[in-house]
Amino acid sequence: MVTLGVADLDLDRARAFYEALGWRGAQQPDNEVAFYQAGGMVFGLWAALGGHGAPGVELAHNVRSPAEVDALLAAAKGAGATITRPAARADWGGYTGAFADPDGYVWEVAHNPDWKLASDGSVRLG
C-alpha cells in the first residue's frame, strides 16, 4: 500500500485531482482518508499524514493476522530495522505497528480485518 499525504488537509481537492485522472471507486471511511484499488495493491490519500501543508508518503505491508504483524516486525528488527511504533490495536479495528529500514524509510505493518488478501498477497478493499 502506498499512501500520499494531502497538503492543507484538503481531501476533497486531492480526490478531485486523482478522479480527473481516471481513479474511481474510492472507499472513504471518514473525512481524513480515501482508498483506491490499484490492481493488486491499494493507493491512499490521507489528510492527517499531510499535516499542515507538509505532504508525506507512507508505505504499508498488509498481512493476514495480528500474529503476522508481530512476526514481520520481529523479522524487520532482526534484519536491522528500528521499531518506530510497537504493534497495538488500532482505533479503526485493526492491529498495526511500524519500523524504519536502515535508510530511514518507515513501513507500517498492518492487519485490517475488513480487507482481503489473496493467496499471492495482493490486497483487496472490502
N, C-alpha and C. Protein backbone atom coordinates (compact mmCIF):
# COMPACT_ATOMS: atom_id res chain seq x y z
N MET A 1 0.84 -1.17 0.00
CA MET A 1 0.00 0.00 0.00
C MET A 1 0.88 1.22 0.00
N VAL A 2 0.53 2.20 -0.79
CA VAL A 2 1.22 3.49 -0.82
C VAL A 2 0.18 4.55 -0.49
N THR A 3 0.49 5.40 0.49
CA THR A 3 -0.41 6.47 0.89
C THR A 3 0.31 7.80 0.74
N LEU A 4 -0.35 8.75 0.11
CA LEU A 4 0.21 10.09 -0.05
C LEU A 4 -0.46 11.03 0.94
N GLY A 5 0.34 11.85 1.61
CA GLY A 5 -0.20 12.88 2.47
C GLY A 5 -0.82 13.98 1.64
N VAL A 6 -1.92 14.52 2.12
CA VAL A 6 -2.66 15.55 1.40
C VAL A 6 -2.33 16.92 2.00
N ALA A 7 -1.81 17.82 1.18
CA ALA A 7 -1.45 19.16 1.64
C ALA A 7 -2.68 19.93 2.10
N ASP A 8 -2.50 20.72 3.13
CA ASP A 8 -3.56 21.59 3.66
C ASP A 8 -4.81 20.84 4.07
N LEU A 9 -4.67 19.55 4.34
CA LEU A 9 -5.76 18.72 4.84
C LEU A 9 -6.98 18.71 3.91
N ASP A 10 -6.79 18.99 2.62
CA ASP A 10 -7.90 19.13 1.67
C ASP A 10 -8.11 17.83 0.88
N LEU A 11 -8.77 16.87 1.52
CA LEU A 11 -9.01 15.57 0.89
C LEU A 11 -9.91 15.70 -0.35
N ASP A 12 -10.90 16.57 -0.30
CA ASP A 12 -11.79 16.74 -1.45
C ASP A 12 -11.01 17.19 -2.69
N ARG A 13 -10.09 18.14 -2.53
CA ARG A 13 -9.28 18.62 -3.64
C ARG A 13 -8.42 17.51 -4.19
N ALA A 14 -7.79 16.75 -3.30
CA ALA A 14 -6.92 15.65 -3.73
C ALA A 14 -7.73 14.58 -4.47
N ARG A 15 -8.89 14.22 -3.94
CA ARG A 15 -9.74 13.22 -4.62
C ARG A 15 -10.15 13.72 -5.99
N ALA A 16 -10.54 14.99 -6.09
CA ALA A 16 -10.97 15.55 -7.38
C ALA A 16 -9.84 15.45 -8.40
N PHE A 17 -8.61 15.71 -7.97
CA PHE A 17 -7.47 15.63 -8.87
C PHE A 17 -7.29 14.21 -9.40
N TYR A 18 -7.21 13.23 -8.50
CA TYR A 18 -6.97 11.85 -8.94
C TYR A 18 -8.15 11.28 -9.71
N GLU A 19 -9.36 11.70 -9.37
CA GLU A 19 -10.52 11.23 -10.12
C GLU A 19 -10.55 11.84 -11.52
N ALA A 20 -10.02 13.06 -11.69
CA ALA A 20 -9.89 13.66 -13.02
C ALA A 20 -8.90 12.87 -13.88
N LEU A 21 -7.97 12.16 -13.22
CA LEU A 21 -7.00 11.32 -13.92
C LEU A 21 -7.53 9.90 -14.18
N GLY A 22 -8.75 9.63 -13.73
CA GLY A 22 -9.37 8.34 -14.02
C GLY A 22 -9.51 7.39 -12.84
N TRP A 23 -9.03 7.73 -11.65
CA TRP A 23 -9.21 6.87 -10.49
C TRP A 23 -10.67 6.88 -10.10
N ARG A 24 -11.23 5.72 -9.79
CA ARG A 24 -12.65 5.61 -9.46
C ARG A 24 -12.85 4.67 -8.28
N GLY A 25 -14.03 4.79 -7.67
CA GLY A 25 -14.45 3.83 -6.65
C GLY A 25 -13.76 3.95 -5.32
N ALA A 26 -13.42 5.17 -4.91
CA ALA A 26 -12.73 5.34 -3.62
C ALA A 26 -13.61 4.87 -2.47
N GLN A 27 -12.99 4.21 -1.52
CA GLN A 27 -13.64 3.93 -0.24
C GLN A 27 -13.15 5.01 0.71
N GLN A 28 -14.08 5.73 1.33
CA GLN A 28 -13.72 6.82 2.22
C GLN A 28 -14.43 6.62 3.56
N PRO A 29 -13.75 5.95 4.51
CA PRO A 29 -14.41 5.65 5.78
C PRO A 29 -14.64 6.87 6.67
N ASP A 30 -13.92 7.98 6.41
CA ASP A 30 -14.09 9.20 7.19
C ASP A 30 -13.61 10.38 6.36
N ASN A 31 -13.48 11.55 6.97
CA ASN A 31 -13.08 12.76 6.24
C ASN A 31 -11.57 12.92 6.13
N GLU A 32 -10.80 11.93 6.59
CA GLU A 32 -9.34 12.05 6.57
C GLU A 32 -8.66 11.18 5.53
N VAL A 33 -9.32 10.10 5.08
CA VAL A 33 -8.62 9.14 4.23
C VAL A 33 -9.54 8.59 3.14
N ALA A 34 -8.95 8.33 1.98
CA ALA A 34 -9.67 7.68 0.88
C ALA A 34 -8.74 6.62 0.29
N PHE A 35 -9.29 5.45 -0.02
CA PHE A 35 -8.52 4.35 -0.59
C PHE A 35 -9.05 3.99 -1.96
N TYR A 36 -8.14 3.74 -2.90
CA TYR A 36 -8.49 3.30 -4.24
C TYR A 36 -7.84 1.94 -4.49
N GLN A 37 -8.58 1.03 -5.11
CA GLN A 37 -8.00 -0.23 -5.54
C GLN A 37 -7.10 0.06 -6.73
N ALA A 38 -5.89 -0.42 -6.71
CA ALA A 38 -4.92 -0.18 -7.79
C ALA A 38 -4.31 -1.52 -8.18
N GLY A 39 -5.04 -2.30 -8.98
CA GLY A 39 -4.58 -3.64 -9.29
C GLY A 39 -4.58 -4.47 -8.03
N GLY A 40 -3.44 -5.07 -7.70
CA GLY A 40 -3.32 -5.90 -6.52
C GLY A 40 -2.87 -5.16 -5.29
N MET A 41 -2.82 -3.83 -5.36
CA MET A 41 -2.42 -3.05 -4.19
C MET A 41 -3.44 -1.95 -3.95
N VAL A 42 -3.21 -1.15 -2.92
CA VAL A 42 -4.11 -0.07 -2.56
C VAL A 42 -3.33 1.24 -2.59
N PHE A 43 -3.95 2.28 -3.15
CA PHE A 43 -3.41 3.64 -3.18
C PHE A 43 -4.29 4.48 -2.29
N GLY A 44 -3.68 5.22 -1.35
CA GLY A 44 -4.46 6.02 -0.42
C GLY A 44 -4.09 7.48 -0.44
N LEU A 45 -5.05 8.31 -0.06
CA LEU A 45 -4.86 9.73 0.18
C LEU A 45 -5.26 9.98 1.62
N TRP A 46 -4.38 10.62 2.41
CA TRP A 46 -4.65 10.77 3.84
C TRP A 46 -4.32 12.17 4.29
N ALA A 47 -5.34 12.92 4.70
CA ALA A 47 -5.15 14.29 5.14
C ALA A 47 -4.27 14.37 6.39
N ALA A 48 -4.45 13.46 7.34
CA ALA A 48 -3.67 13.52 8.58
C ALA A 48 -2.19 13.33 8.33
N LEU A 49 -1.82 12.51 7.34
CA LEU A 49 -0.41 12.30 7.02
C LEU A 49 0.20 13.56 6.45
N GLY A 50 -0.58 14.35 5.71
CA GLY A 50 -0.08 15.59 5.12
C GLY A 50 0.14 16.68 6.14
N GLY A 51 -0.52 16.57 7.28
CA GLY A 51 -0.35 17.58 8.32
C GLY A 51 -0.75 18.95 7.83
N HIS A 52 0.01 19.92 8.20
CA HIS A 52 -0.30 21.31 7.86
C HIS A 52 0.56 21.77 6.69
N GLY A 53 0.23 21.29 5.51
CA GLY A 53 0.92 21.70 4.30
C GLY A 53 2.22 20.97 4.06
N ALA A 54 2.48 19.89 4.77
CA ALA A 54 3.74 19.15 4.60
C ALA A 54 3.44 17.73 4.17
N PRO A 55 3.19 17.52 2.86
CA PRO A 55 2.86 16.16 2.40
C PRO A 55 3.96 15.15 2.71
N GLY A 56 3.54 13.94 2.89
CA GLY A 56 4.47 12.86 3.14
C GLY A 56 4.03 11.62 2.38
N VAL A 57 4.79 10.57 2.55
CA VAL A 57 4.48 9.29 1.92
C VAL A 57 4.57 8.22 3.00
N GLU A 58 3.63 7.31 3.01
CA GLU A 58 3.69 6.18 3.93
C GLU A 58 3.59 4.90 3.12
N LEU A 59 4.45 3.96 3.43
CA LEU A 59 4.42 2.64 2.82
C LEU A 59 3.83 1.69 3.84
N ALA A 60 3.07 0.72 3.38
CA ALA A 60 2.47 -0.23 4.31
C ALA A 60 2.50 -1.63 3.72
N HIS A 61 2.68 -2.59 4.60
CA HIS A 61 2.64 -4.00 4.24
C HIS A 61 1.47 -4.60 5.01
N ASN A 62 0.44 -5.03 4.30
CA ASN A 62 -0.73 -5.61 4.94
C ASN A 62 -0.58 -7.12 5.01
N VAL A 63 -0.96 -7.68 6.17
CA VAL A 63 -0.83 -9.11 6.41
C VAL A 63 -2.17 -9.68 6.87
N ARG A 64 -2.23 -11.00 7.00
CA ARG A 64 -3.49 -11.69 7.25
C ARG A 64 -3.94 -11.76 8.70
N SER A 65 -3.05 -11.48 9.66
CA SER A 65 -3.44 -11.63 11.06
C SER A 65 -2.56 -10.77 11.96
N PRO A 66 -3.02 -10.50 13.18
CA PRO A 66 -2.17 -9.79 14.13
C PRO A 66 -0.85 -10.54 14.40
N ALA A 67 -0.90 -11.87 14.42
CA ALA A 67 0.33 -12.64 14.65
C ALA A 67 1.35 -12.38 13.54
N GLU A 68 0.87 -12.20 12.30
CA GLU A 68 1.78 -11.90 11.19
C GLU A 68 2.37 -10.49 11.32
N VAL A 69 1.61 -9.55 11.90
CA VAL A 69 2.17 -8.22 12.17
C VAL A 69 3.36 -8.36 13.11
N ASP A 70 3.14 -9.08 14.22
CA ASP A 70 4.22 -9.29 15.20
C ASP A 70 5.43 -9.97 14.57
N ALA A 71 5.18 -11.00 13.77
CA ALA A 71 6.28 -11.75 13.16
C ALA A 71 7.07 -10.88 12.18
N LEU A 72 6.38 -10.09 11.37
CA LEU A 72 7.08 -9.25 10.40
C LEU A 72 7.88 -8.14 11.09
N LEU A 73 7.33 -7.56 12.14
CA LEU A 73 8.08 -6.56 12.90
C LEU A 73 9.33 -7.18 13.52
N ALA A 74 9.21 -8.38 14.06
CA ALA A 74 10.37 -9.07 14.64
C ALA A 74 11.41 -9.38 13.58
N ALA A 75 10.97 -9.83 12.40
CA ALA A 75 11.92 -10.12 11.32
C ALA A 75 12.63 -8.85 10.86
N ALA A 76 11.88 -7.75 10.76
CA ALA A 76 12.49 -6.48 10.35
C ALA A 76 13.53 -6.03 11.38
N LYS A 77 13.18 -6.14 12.65
CA LYS A 77 14.13 -5.76 13.71
C LYS A 77 15.38 -6.63 13.63
N GLY A 78 15.19 -7.92 13.43
CA GLY A 78 16.32 -8.83 13.31
C GLY A 78 17.21 -8.53 12.12
N ALA A 79 16.64 -7.92 11.08
CA ALA A 79 17.40 -7.58 9.88
C ALA A 79 18.04 -6.20 9.97
N GLY A 80 17.80 -5.49 11.08
CA GLY A 80 18.45 -4.18 11.27
C GLY A 80 17.52 -2.99 11.29
N ALA A 81 16.21 -3.22 11.24
CA ALA A 81 15.25 -2.11 11.29
C ALA A 81 15.12 -1.59 12.71
N THR A 82 14.61 -0.38 12.83
CA THR A 82 14.27 0.22 14.11
C THR A 82 12.75 0.22 14.23
N ILE A 83 12.23 -0.32 15.32
CA ILE A 83 10.78 -0.31 15.53
C ILE A 83 10.40 1.11 15.93
N THR A 84 9.58 1.76 15.09
CA THR A 84 9.17 3.14 15.36
C THR A 84 7.83 3.22 16.07
N ARG A 85 7.03 2.17 15.97
CA ARG A 85 5.75 2.09 16.66
C ARG A 85 5.46 0.63 16.96
N PRO A 86 5.53 0.23 18.23
CA PRO A 86 5.23 -1.17 18.56
C PRO A 86 3.81 -1.54 18.14
N ALA A 87 3.60 -2.80 17.85
CA ALA A 87 2.28 -3.27 17.42
C ALA A 87 1.25 -3.08 18.52
N ALA A 88 0.06 -2.66 18.10
CA ALA A 88 -1.04 -2.45 19.04
C ALA A 88 -2.35 -2.42 18.26
N ARG A 89 -3.44 -2.58 18.98
CA ARG A 89 -4.77 -2.46 18.37
C ARG A 89 -4.95 -1.01 17.92
N ALA A 90 -5.56 -0.84 16.75
CA ALA A 90 -5.82 0.49 16.20
C ALA A 90 -7.26 0.88 16.45
N ASP A 91 -7.53 2.18 16.54
CA ASP A 91 -8.89 2.63 16.80
C ASP A 91 -9.83 2.32 15.64
N TRP A 92 -9.29 2.01 14.45
CA TRP A 92 -10.14 1.66 13.30
C TRP A 92 -10.43 0.16 13.25
N GLY A 93 -9.99 -0.59 14.26
CA GLY A 93 -10.36 -2.00 14.35
C GLY A 93 -9.30 -2.99 13.96
N GLY A 94 -8.18 -2.53 13.46
CA GLY A 94 -7.11 -3.43 13.06
C GLY A 94 -6.02 -3.53 14.10
N TYR A 95 -4.87 -4.00 13.66
CA TYR A 95 -3.69 -4.20 14.51
C TYR A 95 -2.50 -3.73 13.69
N THR A 96 -1.67 -2.85 14.23
CA THR A 96 -0.64 -2.22 13.42
C THR A 96 0.58 -1.81 14.24
N GLY A 97 1.71 -1.79 13.57
CA GLY A 97 2.96 -1.30 14.13
C GLY A 97 3.78 -0.77 12.97
N ALA A 98 4.98 -0.27 13.25
CA ALA A 98 5.79 0.29 12.17
C ALA A 98 7.27 0.14 12.48
N PHE A 99 8.06 0.10 11.39
CA PHE A 99 9.51 0.06 11.52
C PHE A 99 10.14 0.98 10.48
N ALA A 100 11.37 1.42 10.78
CA ALA A 100 12.16 2.17 9.82
C ALA A 100 13.27 1.27 9.32
N ASP A 101 13.46 1.23 8.01
CA ASP A 101 14.55 0.42 7.45
C ASP A 101 15.88 1.13 7.71
N PRO A 102 17.00 0.50 7.40
CA PRO A 102 18.30 1.12 7.70
C PRO A 102 18.52 2.48 7.04
N ASP A 103 17.75 2.80 5.98
CA ASP A 103 17.87 4.11 5.35
C ASP A 103 16.84 5.11 5.89
N GLY A 104 16.02 4.68 6.85
CA GLY A 104 15.06 5.58 7.47
C GLY A 104 13.66 5.57 6.88
N TYR A 105 13.42 4.74 5.84
CA TYR A 105 12.08 4.66 5.28
C TYR A 105 11.17 3.90 6.25
N VAL A 106 10.03 4.50 6.55
CA VAL A 106 9.11 3.90 7.53
C VAL A 106 8.05 3.08 6.80
N TRP A 107 7.85 1.88 7.30
CA TRP A 107 6.83 0.96 6.81
C TRP A 107 5.86 0.67 7.94
N GLU A 108 4.58 0.82 7.68
CA GLU A 108 3.56 0.33 8.59
C GLU A 108 3.33 -1.14 8.27
N VAL A 109 3.14 -1.95 9.28
CA VAL A 109 2.74 -3.35 9.10
C VAL A 109 1.37 -3.46 9.74
N ALA A 110 0.38 -3.87 8.95
CA ALA A 110 -0.99 -3.82 9.46
C ALA A 110 -1.81 -5.03 9.08
N HIS A 111 -2.71 -5.36 9.99
CA HIS A 111 -3.77 -6.32 9.70
C HIS A 111 -5.07 -5.52 9.75
N ASN A 112 -5.78 -5.46 8.63
CA ASN A 112 -7.07 -4.79 8.55
C ASN A 112 -8.11 -5.89 8.33
N PRO A 113 -8.94 -6.16 9.33
CA PRO A 113 -9.90 -7.26 9.19
C PRO A 113 -10.94 -7.03 8.11
N ASP A 114 -11.07 -5.80 7.60
CA ASP A 114 -12.05 -5.51 6.56
C ASP A 114 -11.49 -5.67 5.15
N TRP A 115 -10.19 -5.87 5.02
CA TRP A 115 -9.57 -6.04 3.71
C TRP A 115 -9.20 -7.50 3.50
N LYS A 116 -9.23 -7.94 2.27
CA LYS A 116 -8.92 -9.33 1.94
C LYS A 116 -7.57 -9.41 1.26
N LEU A 117 -6.78 -10.40 1.61
CA LEU A 117 -5.51 -10.67 0.95
C LEU A 117 -5.65 -11.96 0.15
N ALA A 118 -5.31 -11.89 -1.13
CA ALA A 118 -5.35 -13.06 -2.00
C ALA A 118 -4.17 -13.97 -1.68
N SER A 119 -4.17 -15.16 -2.22
CA SER A 119 -3.08 -16.10 -1.96
C SER A 119 -1.72 -15.57 -2.41
N ASP A 120 -1.72 -14.66 -3.41
CA ASP A 120 -0.46 -14.07 -3.88
C ASP A 120 -0.04 -12.84 -3.07
N GLY A 121 -0.83 -12.48 -2.05
CA GLY A 121 -0.51 -11.34 -1.20
C GLY A 121 -1.11 -10.02 -1.66
N SER A 122 -1.79 -10.02 -2.79
CA SER A 122 -2.40 -8.78 -3.25
C SER A 122 -3.57 -8.41 -2.34
N VAL A 123 -3.79 -7.11 -2.18
CA VAL A 123 -4.80 -6.60 -1.26
C VAL A 123 -6.06 -6.22 -2.02
N ARG A 124 -7.21 -6.54 -1.43
CA ARG A 124 -8.49 -6.17 -2.00
C ARG A 124 -9.28 -5.40 -0.95
N LEU A 125 -9.76 -4.23 -1.31
CA LEU A 125 -10.61 -3.45 -0.42
C LEU A 125 -11.92 -4.17 -0.21
N GLY A 126 -12.38 -4.15 1.05
CA GLY A 126 -13.70 -4.69 1.39
C GLY A 126 -14.03 -6.07 1.01
